[in-house]
Amino acid sequence: KKLLIAEIQTLCYSCHDQDDVLTIETHSEIGETSCTDCHNP
């Protein structure tokens, strides 16, 4: 959707290191929550 080249989480983690993101306290329990639920791309 929205002409994206990949699924949102995959796309975000192609630039943002997943391990670094998940060490942020507010991300500790995000599970499969989409980045764009909280962040405007």
ModelCIF file with pLDDT and N, C-alpha, C, O atoms, coordinates in Angstrom:
data_MODEL
#
_entry.id   MODEL 
#
_entity.id                         1 
_entity.type                       polymer 
_entity.pdbx_number_of_molecules   1 
#
_entity_poly.entity_id                      1 
_entity_poly.type                           'polypeptide(L)' 
_entity_poly.nstd_linkage                   no 
_entity_poly.nstd_monomer                   no 
_entity_poly.pdbx_seq_one_letter_code       KKLLIAEIQTLCYSCHDQDDVLTIETHSEIGETSCTDCHNP 
_entity_poly.pdbx_seq_one_letter_code_can   KKLLIAEIQTLCYSCHDQDDVLTIETHSEIGETSCTDCHNP 
_entity_poly.pdbx_strand_id                 A 
#
loop_
_entity_poly_seq.entity_id 
_entity_poly_seq.num 
_entity_poly_seq.mon_id 
_entity_poly_seq.hetero 
1 1  LYS n 
1 2  LYS n 
1 3  LEU n 
1 4  LEU n 
1 5  ILE n 
1 6  ALA n 
1 7  GLU n 
1 8  ILE n 
1 9  GLN n 
1 10 THR n 
1 11 LEU n 
1 12 CYS n 
1 13 TYR n 
1 14 SER n 
1 15 CYS n 
1 16 HIS n 
1 17 ASP n 
1 18 GLN n 
1 19 ASP n 
1 20 ASP n 
1 21 VAL n 
1 22 LEU n 
1 23 THR n 
1 24 ILE n 
1 25 GLU n 
1 26 THR n 
1 27 HIS n 
1 28 SER n 
1 29 GLU n 
1 30 ILE n 
1 31 GLY n 
1 32 GLU n 
1 33 THR n 
1 34 SER n 
1 35 CYS n 
1 36 THR n 
1 37 ASP n 
1 38 CYS n 
1 39 HIS n 
1 40 ASN n 
1 41 PRO n 
#
_struct_asym.id          A 
_struct_asym.entity_id   1 
#
loop_
_ma_qa_metric.id 
_ma_qa_metric.mode 
_ma_qa_metric.name 
_ma_qa_metric.software_group_id 
_ma_qa_metric.type 
1 global pLDDT . pLDDT 
2 local  pLDDT . pLDDT 
#
_ma_qa_metric_global.metric_id      1 
_ma_qa_metric_global.metric_value   93.98 
_ma_qa_metric_global.model_id       1 
_ma_qa_metric_global.ordinal_id     1 
#
loop_
_ma_qa_metric_local.label_asym_id 
_ma_qa_metric_local.label_comp_id 
_ma_qa_metric_local.label_seq_id 
_ma_qa_metric_local.metric_id 
_ma_qa_metric_local.metric_value 
_ma_qa_metric_local.model_id 
_ma_qa_metric_local.ordinal_id 
A LYS 1  2 94.00 1 1  
A LYS 2  2 95.00 1 2  
A LEU 3  2 97.00 1 3  
A LEU 4  2 97.00 1 4  
A ILE 5  2 96.00 1 5  
A ALA 6  2 96.00 1 6  
A GLU 7  2 95.00 1 7  
A ILE 8  2 95.00 1 8  
A GLN 9  2 93.00 1 9  
A THR 10 2 95.00 1 10 
A LEU 11 2 96.00 1 11 
A CYS 12 2 96.00 1 12 
A TYR 13 2 95.00 1 13 
A SER 14 2 97.00 1 14 
A CYS 15 2 97.00 1 15 
A HIS 16 2 96.00 1 16 
A ASP 17 2 96.00 1 17 
A GLN 18 2 93.00 1 18 
A ASP 19 2 93.00 1 19 
A ASP 20 2 95.00 1 20 
A VAL 21 2 94.00 1 21 
A LEU 22 2 92.00 1 22 
A THR 23 2 94.00 1 23 
A ILE 24 2 94.00 1 24 
A GLU 25 2 94.00 1 25 
A THR 26 2 91.00 1 26 
A HIS 27 2 92.00 1 27 
A SER 28 2 86.00 1 28 
A GLU 29 2 88.00 1 29 
A ILE 30 2 89.00 1 30 
A GLY 31 2 84.00 1 31 
A GLU 32 2 84.00 1 32 
A THR 33 2 92.00 1 33 
A SER 34 2 94.00 1 34 
A CYS 35 2 96.00 1 35 
A THR 36 2 97.00 1 36 
A ASP 37 2 96.00 1 37 
A CYS 38 2 96.00 1 38 
A HIS 39 2 98.00 1 39 
A ASN 40 2 98.00 1 40 
A PRO 41 2 97.00 1 41 
#
loop_
_atom_site.group_PDB 
_atom_site.id 
_atom_site.type_symbol 
_atom_site.label_atom_id 
_atom_site.label_alt_id 
_atom_site.label_comp_id 
_atom_site.label_asym_id 
_atom_site.label_entity_id 
_atom_site.label_seq_id 
_atom_site.pdbx_PDB_ins_code 
_atom_site.Cartn_x 
_atom_site.Cartn_y 
_atom_site.Cartn_z 
_atom_site.occupancy 
_atom_site.B_iso_or_equiv 
_atom_site.pdbx_formal_charge 
_atom_site.auth_seq_id 
_atom_site.auth_comp_id 
_atom_site.auth_asym_id 
_atom_site.auth_atom_id 
_atom_site.pdbx_PDB_model_num 
ATOM 1   N N  . LYS A 1 1  ? 0.837  -1.194 0.000  1.00 94.00 ? 1  LYS A N  1 
ATOM 2   C CA . LYS A 1 1  ? 0.000  0.000  0.000  1.00 94.00 ? 1  LYS A CA 1 
ATOM 3   C C  . LYS A 1 1  ? 0.873  1.245  0.000  1.00 94.00 ? 1  LYS A C  1 
ATOM 4   O O  . LYS A 1 1  ? 2.009  1.218  0.472  1.00 94.00 ? 1  LYS A O  1 
ATOM 5   N N  . LYS A 1 2  ? 0.346  2.310  -0.521 1.00 95.00 ? 2  LYS A N  1 
ATOM 6   C CA . LYS A 1 2  ? 1.006  3.613  -0.583 1.00 95.00 ? 2  LYS A CA 1 
ATOM 7   C C  . LYS A 1 2  ? 2.322  3.568  -1.369 1.00 95.00 ? 2  LYS A C  1 
ATOM 8   O O  . LYS A 1 2  ? 3.230  4.372  -1.154 1.00 95.00 ? 2  LYS A O  1 
ATOM 9   N N  . LEU A 1 3  ? 2.387  2.605  -2.280 1.00 97.00 ? 3  LEU A N  1 
ATOM 10  C CA . LEU A 1 3  ? 3.535  2.436  -3.180 1.00 97.00 ? 3  LEU A CA 1 
ATOM 11  C C  . LEU A 1 3  ? 4.851  2.185  -2.447 1.00 97.00 ? 3  LEU A C  1 
ATOM 12  O O  . LEU A 1 3  ? 5.919  2.526  -2.955 1.00 97.00 ? 3  LEU A O  1 
ATOM 13  N N  . LEU A 1 4  ? 4.778  1.593  -1.260 1.00 97.00 ? 4  LEU A N  1 
ATOM 14  C CA . LEU A 1 4  ? 5.986  1.298  -0.496 1.00 97.00 ? 4  LEU A CA 1 
ATOM 15  C C  . LEU A 1 4  ? 6.746  0.144  -1.120 1.00 97.00 ? 4  LEU A C  1 
ATOM 16  O O  . LEU A 1 4  ? 6.148  -0.748 -1.723 1.00 97.00 ? 4  LEU A O  1 
ATOM 17  N N  . ILE A 1 5  ? 8.065  0.159  -0.978 1.00 96.00 ? 5  ILE A N  1 
ATOM 18  C CA . ILE A 1 5  ? 8.895  -0.890 -1.570 1.00 96.00 ? 5  ILE A CA 1 
ATOM 19  C C  . ILE A 1 5  ? 8.941  -2.158 -0.713 1.00 96.00 ? 5  ILE A C  1 
ATOM 20  O O  . ILE A 1 5  ? 9.371  -3.210 -1.186 1.00 96.00 ? 5  ILE A O  1 
ATOM 21  N N  . ALA A 1 6  ? 8.501  -2.061 0.542  1.00 96.00 ? 6  ALA A N  1 
ATOM 22  C CA . ALA A 1 6  ? 8.472  -3.214 1.448  1.00 96.00 ? 6  ALA A CA 1 
ATOM 23  C C  . ALA A 1 6  ? 7.428  -2.963 2.527  1.00 96.00 ? 6  ALA A C  1 
ATOM 24  O O  . ALA A 1 6  ? 6.916  -1.853 2.667  1.00 96.00 ? 6  ALA A O  1 
ATOM 25  N N  . GLU A 1 7  ? 7.124  -4.001 3.281  1.00 95.00 ? 7  GLU A N  1 
ATOM 26  C CA . GLU A 1 7  ? 6.237  -3.883 4.434  1.00 95.00 ? 7  GLU A CA 1 
ATOM 27  C C  . GLU A 1 7  ? 6.860  -2.874 5.402  1.00 95.00 ? 7  GLU A C  1 
ATOM 28  O O  . GLU A 1 7  ? 8.085  -2.768 5.472  1.00 95.00 ? 7  GLU A O  1 
ATOM 29  N N  . ILE A 1 8  ? 6.051  -2.146 6.134  1.00 95.00 ? 8  ILE A N  1 
ATOM 30  C CA . ILE A 1 8  ? 6.525  -1.006 6.922  1.00 95.00 ? 8  ILE A CA 1 
ATOM 31  C C  . ILE A 1 8  ? 7.665  -1.363 7.870  1.00 95.00 ? 8  ILE A C  1 
ATOM 32  O O  . ILE A 1 8  ? 8.705  -0.704 7.846  1.00 95.00 ? 8  ILE A O  1 
ATOM 33  N N  . GLN A 1 9  ? 7.497  -2.386 8.701  1.00 93.00 ? 9  GLN A N  1 
ATOM 34  C CA . GLN A 1 9  ? 8.563  -2.713 9.664  1.00 93.00 ? 9  GLN A CA 1 
ATOM 35  C C  . GLN A 1 9  ? 9.858  -3.071 8.925  1.00 93.00 ? 9  GLN A C  1 
ATOM 36  O O  . GLN A 1 9  ? 10.937 -2.623 9.311  1.00 93.00 ? 9  GLN A O  1 
ATOM 37  N N  . THR A 1 10 ? 9.752  -3.860 7.890  1.00 95.00 ? 10 THR A N  1 
ATOM 38  C CA . THR A 1 10 ? 10.928 -4.245 7.102  1.00 95.00 ? 10 THR A CA 1 
ATOM 39  C C  . THR A 1 10 ? 11.595 -3.011 6.519  1.00 95.00 ? 10 THR A C  1 
ATOM 40  O O  . THR A 1 10 ? 12.820 -2.891 6.533  1.00 95.00 ? 10 THR A O  1 
ATOM 41  N N  . LEU A 1 11 ? 10.796 -2.111 6.016  1.00 96.00 ? 11 LEU A N  1 
ATOM 42  C CA . LEU A 1 11 ? 11.312 -0.876 5.426  1.00 96.00 ? 11 LEU A CA 1 
ATOM 43  C C  . LEU A 1 11 ? 12.036 -0.032 6.473  1.00 96.00 ? 11 LEU A C  1 
ATOM 44  O O  . LEU A 1 11 ? 13.148 0.437  6.232  1.00 96.00 ? 11 LEU A O  1 
ATOM 45  N N  . CYS A 1 12 ? 11.414 0.162  7.625  1.00 96.00 ? 12 CYS A N  1 
ATOM 46  C CA . CYS A 1 12 ? 12.037 0.968  8.688  1.00 96.00 ? 12 CYS A CA 1 
ATOM 47  C C  . CYS A 1 12 ? 13.354 0.346  9.146  1.00 96.00 ? 12 CYS A C  1 
ATOM 48  O O  . CYS A 1 12 ? 14.353 1.043  9.325  1.00 96.00 ? 12 CYS A O  1 
ATOM 49  N N  . TYR A 1 13 ? 13.342 -0.983 9.334  1.00 95.00 ? 13 TYR A N  1 
ATOM 50  C CA . TYR A 1 13 ? 14.544 -1.655 9.815  1.00 95.00 ? 13 TYR A CA 1 
ATOM 51  C C  . TYR A 1 13 ? 15.622 -1.778 8.737  1.00 95.00 ? 13 TYR A C  1 
ATOM 52  O O  . TYR A 1 13 ? 16.729 -2.227 9.034  1.00 95.00 ? 13 TYR A O  1 
ATOM 53  N N  . SER A 1 14 ? 15.331 -1.399 7.520  1.00 97.00 ? 14 SER A N  1 
ATOM 54  C CA . SER A 1 14 ? 16.379 -1.400 6.501  1.00 97.00 ? 14 SER A CA 1 
ATOM 55  C C  . SER A 1 14 ? 17.344 -0.226 6.726  1.00 97.00 ? 14 SER A C  1 
ATOM 56  O O  . SER A 1 14 ? 18.467 -0.242 6.222  1.00 97.00 ? 14 SER A O  1 
ATOM 57  N N  . CYS A 1 15 ? 16.908 0.788  7.481  1.00 97.00 ? 15 CYS A N  1 
ATOM 58  C CA . CYS A 1 15 ? 17.780 1.929  7.828  1.00 97.00 ? 15 CYS A CA 1 
ATOM 59  C C  . CYS A 1 15 ? 18.042 2.031  9.331  1.00 97.00 ? 15 CYS A C  1 
ATOM 60  O O  . CYS A 1 15 ? 19.139 2.389  9.760  1.00 97.00 ? 15 CYS A O  1 
ATOM 61  N N  . HIS A 1 16 ? 17.021 1.713  10.119 1.00 96.00 ? 16 HIS A N  1 
ATOM 62  C CA . HIS A 1 16 ? 17.133 1.820  11.574 1.00 96.00 ? 16 HIS A CA 1 
ATOM 63  C C  . HIS A 1 16 ? 17.409 0.438  12.138 1.00 96.00 ? 16 HIS A C  1 
ATOM 64  O O  . HIS A 1 16 ? 16.637 -0.493 11.911 1.00 96.00 ? 16 HIS A O  1 
ATOM 65  N N  . ASP A 1 17 ? 18.512 0.297  12.877 1.00 96.00 ? 17 ASP A N  1 
ATOM 66  C CA . ASP A 1 17 ? 18.901 -0.994 13.433 1.00 96.00 ? 17 ASP A CA 1 
ATOM 67  C C  . ASP A 1 17 ? 17.851 -1.498 14.431 1.00 96.00 ? 17 ASP A C  1 
ATOM 68  O O  . ASP A 1 17 ? 17.562 -0.839 15.431 1.00 96.00 ? 17 ASP A O  1 
ATOM 69  N N  . GLN A 1 18 ? 17.295 -2.657 14.148 1.00 93.00 ? 18 GLN A N  1 
ATOM 70  C CA . GLN A 1 18 ? 16.215 -3.201 14.971 1.00 93.00 ? 18 GLN A CA 1 
ATOM 71  C C  . GLN A 1 18 ? 16.655 -3.381 16.422 1.00 93.00 ? 18 GLN A C  1 
ATOM 72  O O  . GLN A 1 18 ? 15.896 -3.057 17.335 1.00 93.00 ? 18 GLN A O  1 
ATOM 73  N N  . ASP A 1 19 ? 17.851 -3.886 16.650 1.00 93.00 ? 19 ASP A N  1 
ATOM 74  C CA . ASP A 1 19 ? 18.325 -4.078 18.024 1.00 93.00 ? 19 ASP A CA 1 
ATOM 75  C C  . ASP A 1 19 ? 18.415 -2.755 18.769 1.00 93.00 ? 19 ASP A C  1 
ATOM 76  O O  . ASP A 1 19 ? 18.064 -2.680 19.947 1.00 93.00 ? 19 ASP A O  1 
ATOM 77  N N  . ASP A 1 20 ? 18.882 -1.709 18.091 1.00 95.00 ? 20 ASP A N  1 
ATOM 78  C CA . ASP A 1 20 ? 18.953 -0.384 18.717 1.00 95.00 ? 20 ASP A CA 1 
ATOM 79  C C  . ASP A 1 20 ? 17.554 0.148  19.034 1.00 95.00 ? 20 ASP A C  1 
ATOM 80  O O  . ASP A 1 20 ? 17.316 0.694  20.112 1.00 95.00 ? 20 ASP A O  1 
ATOM 81  N N  . VAL A 1 21 ? 16.645 -0.018 18.094 1.00 94.00 ? 21 VAL A N  1 
ATOM 82  C CA . VAL A 1 21 ? 15.279 0.462  18.287 1.00 94.00 ? 21 VAL A CA 1 
ATOM 83  C C  . VAL A 1 21 ? 14.638 -0.235 19.484 1.00 94.00 ? 21 VAL A C  1 
ATOM 84  O O  . VAL A 1 21 ? 14.000 0.413  20.314 1.00 94.00 ? 21 VAL A O  1 
ATOM 85  N N  . LEU A 1 22 ? 14.805 -1.540 19.572 1.00 92.00 ? 22 LEU A N  1 
ATOM 86  C CA . LEU A 1 22 ? 14.143 -2.307 20.626 1.00 92.00 ? 22 LEU A CA 1 
ATOM 87  C C  . LEU A 1 22 ? 14.762 -2.102 22.001 1.00 92.00 ? 22 LEU A C  1 
ATOM 88  O O  . LEU A 1 22 ? 14.166 -2.500 23.002 1.00 92.00 ? 22 LEU A O  1 
ATOM 89  N N  . THR A 1 23 ? 15.944 -1.490 22.078 1.00 94.00 ? 23 THR A N  1 
ATOM 90  C CA . THR A 1 23 ? 16.534 -1.194 23.387 1.00 94.00 ? 23 THR A CA 1 
ATOM 91  C C  . THR A 1 23 ? 15.977 0.093  23.982 1.00 94.00 ? 23 THR A C  1 
ATOM 92  O O  . THR A 1 23 ? 16.200 0.373  25.160 1.00 94.00 ? 23 THR A O  1 
ATOM 93  N N  . ILE A 1 24 ? 15.260 0.876  23.192 1.00 94.00 ? 24 ILE A N  1 
ATOM 94  C CA . ILE A 1 24 ? 14.621 2.092  23.702 1.00 94.00 ? 24 ILE A CA 1 
ATOM 95  C C  . ILE A 1 24 ? 13.460 1.663  24.594 1.00 94.00 ? 24 ILE A C  1 
ATOM 96  O O  . ILE A 1 24 ? 12.615 0.872  24.177 1.00 94.00 ? 24 ILE A O  1 
ATOM 97  N N  . GLU A 1 25 ? 13.418 2.185  25.823 1.00 94.00 ? 25 GLU A N  1 
ATOM 98  C CA . GLU A 1 25 ? 12.433 1.741  26.814 1.00 94.00 ? 25 GLU A CA 1 
ATOM 99  C C  . GLU A 1 25 ? 10.995 1.772  26.296 1.00 94.00 ? 25 GLU A C  1 
ATOM 100 O O  . GLU A 1 25 ? 10.233 0.834  26.532 1.00 94.00 ? 25 GLU A O  1 
ATOM 101 N N  . THR A 1 26 ? 10.625 2.825  25.604 1.00 91.00 ? 26 THR A N  1 
ATOM 102 C CA . THR A 1 26 ? 9.239  2.928  25.121 1.00 91.00 ? 26 THR A CA 1 
ATOM 103 C C  . THR A 1 26 ? 8.921  1.899  24.033 1.00 91.00 ? 26 THR A C  1 
ATOM 104 O O  . THR A 1 26 ? 7.753  1.694  23.703 1.00 91.00 ? 26 THR A O  1 
ATOM 105 N N  . HIS A 1 27 ? 9.933  1.260  23.483 1.00 92.00 ? 27 HIS A N  1 
ATOM 106 C CA . HIS A 1 27 ? 9.722  0.240  22.462 1.00 92.00 ? 27 HIS A CA 1 
ATOM 107 C C  . HIS A 1 27 ? 9.792  -1.173 23.033 1.00 92.00 ? 27 HIS A C  1 
ATOM 108 O O  . HIS A 1 27 ? 9.658  -2.140 22.284 1.00 92.00 ? 27 HIS A O  1 
ATOM 109 N N  . SER A 1 28 ? 9.994  -1.311 24.320 1.00 86.00 ? 28 SER A N  1 
ATOM 110 C CA . SER A 1 28 ? 10.249 -2.628 24.910 1.00 86.00 ? 28 SER A CA 1 
ATOM 111 C C  . SER A 1 28 ? 9.120  -3.631 24.699 1.00 86.00 ? 28 SER A C  1 
ATOM 112 O O  . SER A 1 28 ? 9.378  -4.834 24.665 1.00 86.00 ? 28 SER A O  1 
ATOM 113 N N  . GLU A 1 29 ? 7.897  -3.181 24.560 1.00 88.00 ? 29 GLU A N  1 
ATOM 114 C CA . GLU A 1 29 ? 6.779  -4.113 24.389 1.00 88.00 ? 29 GLU A CA 1 
ATOM 115 C C  . GLU A 1 29 ? 5.950  -3.812 23.135 1.00 88.00 ? 29 GLU A C  1 
ATOM 116 O O  . GLU A 1 29 ? 4.738  -4.027 23.125 1.00 88.00 ? 29 GLU A O  1 
ATOM 117 N N  . ILE A 1 30 ? 6.603  -3.315 22.081 1.00 89.00 ? 30 ILE A N  1 
ATOM 118 C CA . ILE A 1 30 ? 5.831  -2.953 20.885 1.00 89.00 ? 30 ILE A CA 1 
ATOM 119 C C  . ILE A 1 30 ? 5.391  -4.151 20.067 1.00 89.00 ? 30 ILE A C  1 
ATOM 120 O O  . ILE A 1 30 ? 4.418  -4.066 19.317 1.00 89.00 ? 30 ILE A O  1 
ATOM 121 N N  . GLY A 1 31 ? 6.092  -5.264 20.200 1.00 84.00 ? 31 GLY A N  1 
ATOM 122 C CA . GLY A 1 31 ? 5.716  -6.468 19.452 1.00 84.00 ? 31 GLY A CA 1 
ATOM 123 C C  . GLY A 1 31 ? 5.642  -6.198 17.972 1.00 84.00 ? 31 GLY A C  1 
ATOM 124 O O  . GLY A 1 31 ? 6.617  -5.748 17.369 1.00 84.00 ? 31 GLY A O  1 
ATOM 125 N N  . GLU A 1 32 ? 4.500  -6.467 17.380 1.00 84.00 ? 32 GLU A N  1 
ATOM 126 C CA . GLU A 1 32 ? 4.299  -6.278 15.940 1.00 84.00 ? 32 GLU A CA 1 
ATOM 127 C C  . GLU A 1 32 ? 3.653  -4.932 15.607 1.00 84.00 ? 32 GLU A C  1 
ATOM 128 O O  . GLU A 1 32 ? 3.185  -4.728 14.487 1.00 84.00 ? 32 GLU A O  1 
ATOM 129 N N  . THR A 1 33 ? 3.627  -4.025 16.567 1.00 92.00 ? 33 THR A N  1 
ATOM 130 C CA . THR A 1 33 ? 3.063  -2.697 16.319 1.00 92.00 ? 33 THR A CA 1 
ATOM 131 C C  . THR A 1 33 ? 3.827  -2.032 15.186 1.00 92.00 ? 33 THR A C  1 
ATOM 132 O O  . THR A 1 33 ? 5.056  -2.074 15.147 1.00 92.00 ? 33 THR A O  1 
ATOM 133 N N  . SER A 1 34 ? 3.108  -1.429 14.280 1.00 94.00 ? 34 SER A N  1 
ATOM 134 C CA . SER A 1 34 ? 3.740  -0.754 13.153 1.00 94.00 ? 34 SER A CA 1 
ATOM 135 C C  . SER A 1 34 ? 4.401  0.547  13.612 1.00 94.00 ? 34 SER A C  1 
ATOM 136 O O  . SER A 1 34 ? 3.842  1.269  14.438 1.00 94.00 ? 34 SER A O  1 
ATOM 137 N N  . CYS A 1 35 ? 5.559  0.838  13.094 1.00 96.00 ? 35 CYS A N  1 
ATOM 138 C CA . CYS A 1 35 ? 6.262  2.084  13.416 1.00 96.00 ? 35 CYS A CA 1 
ATOM 139 C C  . CYS A 1 35 ? 5.364  3.290  13.155 1.00 96.00 ? 35 CYS A C  1 
ATOM 140 O O  . CYS A 1 35 ? 5.380  4.268  13.902 1.00 96.00 ? 35 CYS A O  1 
ATOM 141 N N  . THR A 1 36 ? 4.588  3.200  12.088 1.00 97.00 ? 36 THR A N  1 
ATOM 142 C CA . THR A 1 36 ? 3.758  4.339  11.692 1.00 97.00 ? 36 THR A CA 1 
ATOM 143 C C  . THR A 1 36 ? 2.514  4.511  12.551 1.00 97.00 ? 36 THR A C  1 
ATOM 144 O O  . THR A 1 36 ? 1.753  5.456  12.343 1.00 97.00 ? 36 THR A O  1 
ATOM 145 N N  . ASP A 1 37 ? 2.289  3.614  13.514 1.00 96.00 ? 37 ASP A N  1 
ATOM 146 C CA . ASP A 1 37 ? 1.208  3.836  14.477 1.00 96.00 ? 37 ASP A CA 1 
ATOM 147 C C  . ASP A 1 37 ? 1.550  5.021  15.380 1.00 96.00 ? 37 ASP A C  1 
ATOM 148 O O  . ASP A 1 37 ? 0.657  5.705  15.879 1.00 96.00 ? 37 ASP A O  1 
ATOM 149 N N  . CYS A 1 38 ? 2.842  5.257  15.587 1.00 96.00 ? 38 CYS A N  1 
ATOM 150 C CA . CYS A 1 38 ? 3.295  6.347  16.466 1.00 96.00 ? 38 CYS A CA 1 
ATOM 151 C C  . CYS A 1 38 ? 4.113  7.414  15.742 1.00 96.00 ? 38 CYS A C  1 
ATOM 152 O O  . CYS A 1 38 ? 4.103  8.583  16.127 1.00 96.00 ? 38 CYS A O  1 
ATOM 153 N N  . HIS A 1 39 ? 4.822  7.000  14.689 1.00 98.00 ? 39 HIS A N  1 
ATOM 154 C CA . HIS A 1 39 ? 5.733  7.901  13.990 1.00 98.00 ? 39 HIS A CA 1 
ATOM 155 C C  . HIS A 1 39 ? 5.217  8.242  12.597 1.00 98.00 ? 39 HIS A C  1 
ATOM 156 O O  . HIS A 1 39 ? 4.758  7.365  11.865 1.00 98.00 ? 39 HIS A O  1 
ATOM 157 N N  . ASN A 1 40 ? 5.296  9.512  12.238 1.00 98.00 ? 40 ASN A N  1 
ATOM 158 C CA . ASN A 1 40 ? 4.928  9.957  10.897 1.00 98.00 ? 40 ASN A CA 1 
ATOM 159 C C  . ASN A 1 40 ? 6.143  9.737  9.997  1.00 98.00 ? 40 ASN A C  1 
ATOM 160 O O  . ASN A 1 40 ? 7.206  10.288 10.282 1.00 98.00 ? 40 ASN A O  1 
ATOM 161 N N  . PRO A 1 41 ? 6.030  8.963  8.933  1.00 97.00 ? 41 PRO A N  1 
ATOM 162 C CA . PRO A 1 41 ? 7.182  8.647  8.106  1.00 97.00 ? 41 PRO A CA 1 
ATOM 163 C C  . PRO A 1 41 ? 7.694  9.805  7.246  1.00 97.00 ? 41 PRO A C  1 
ATOM 164 O O  . PRO A 1 41 ? 8.667  9.643  6.509  1.00 97.00 ? 41 PRO A O  1 
#
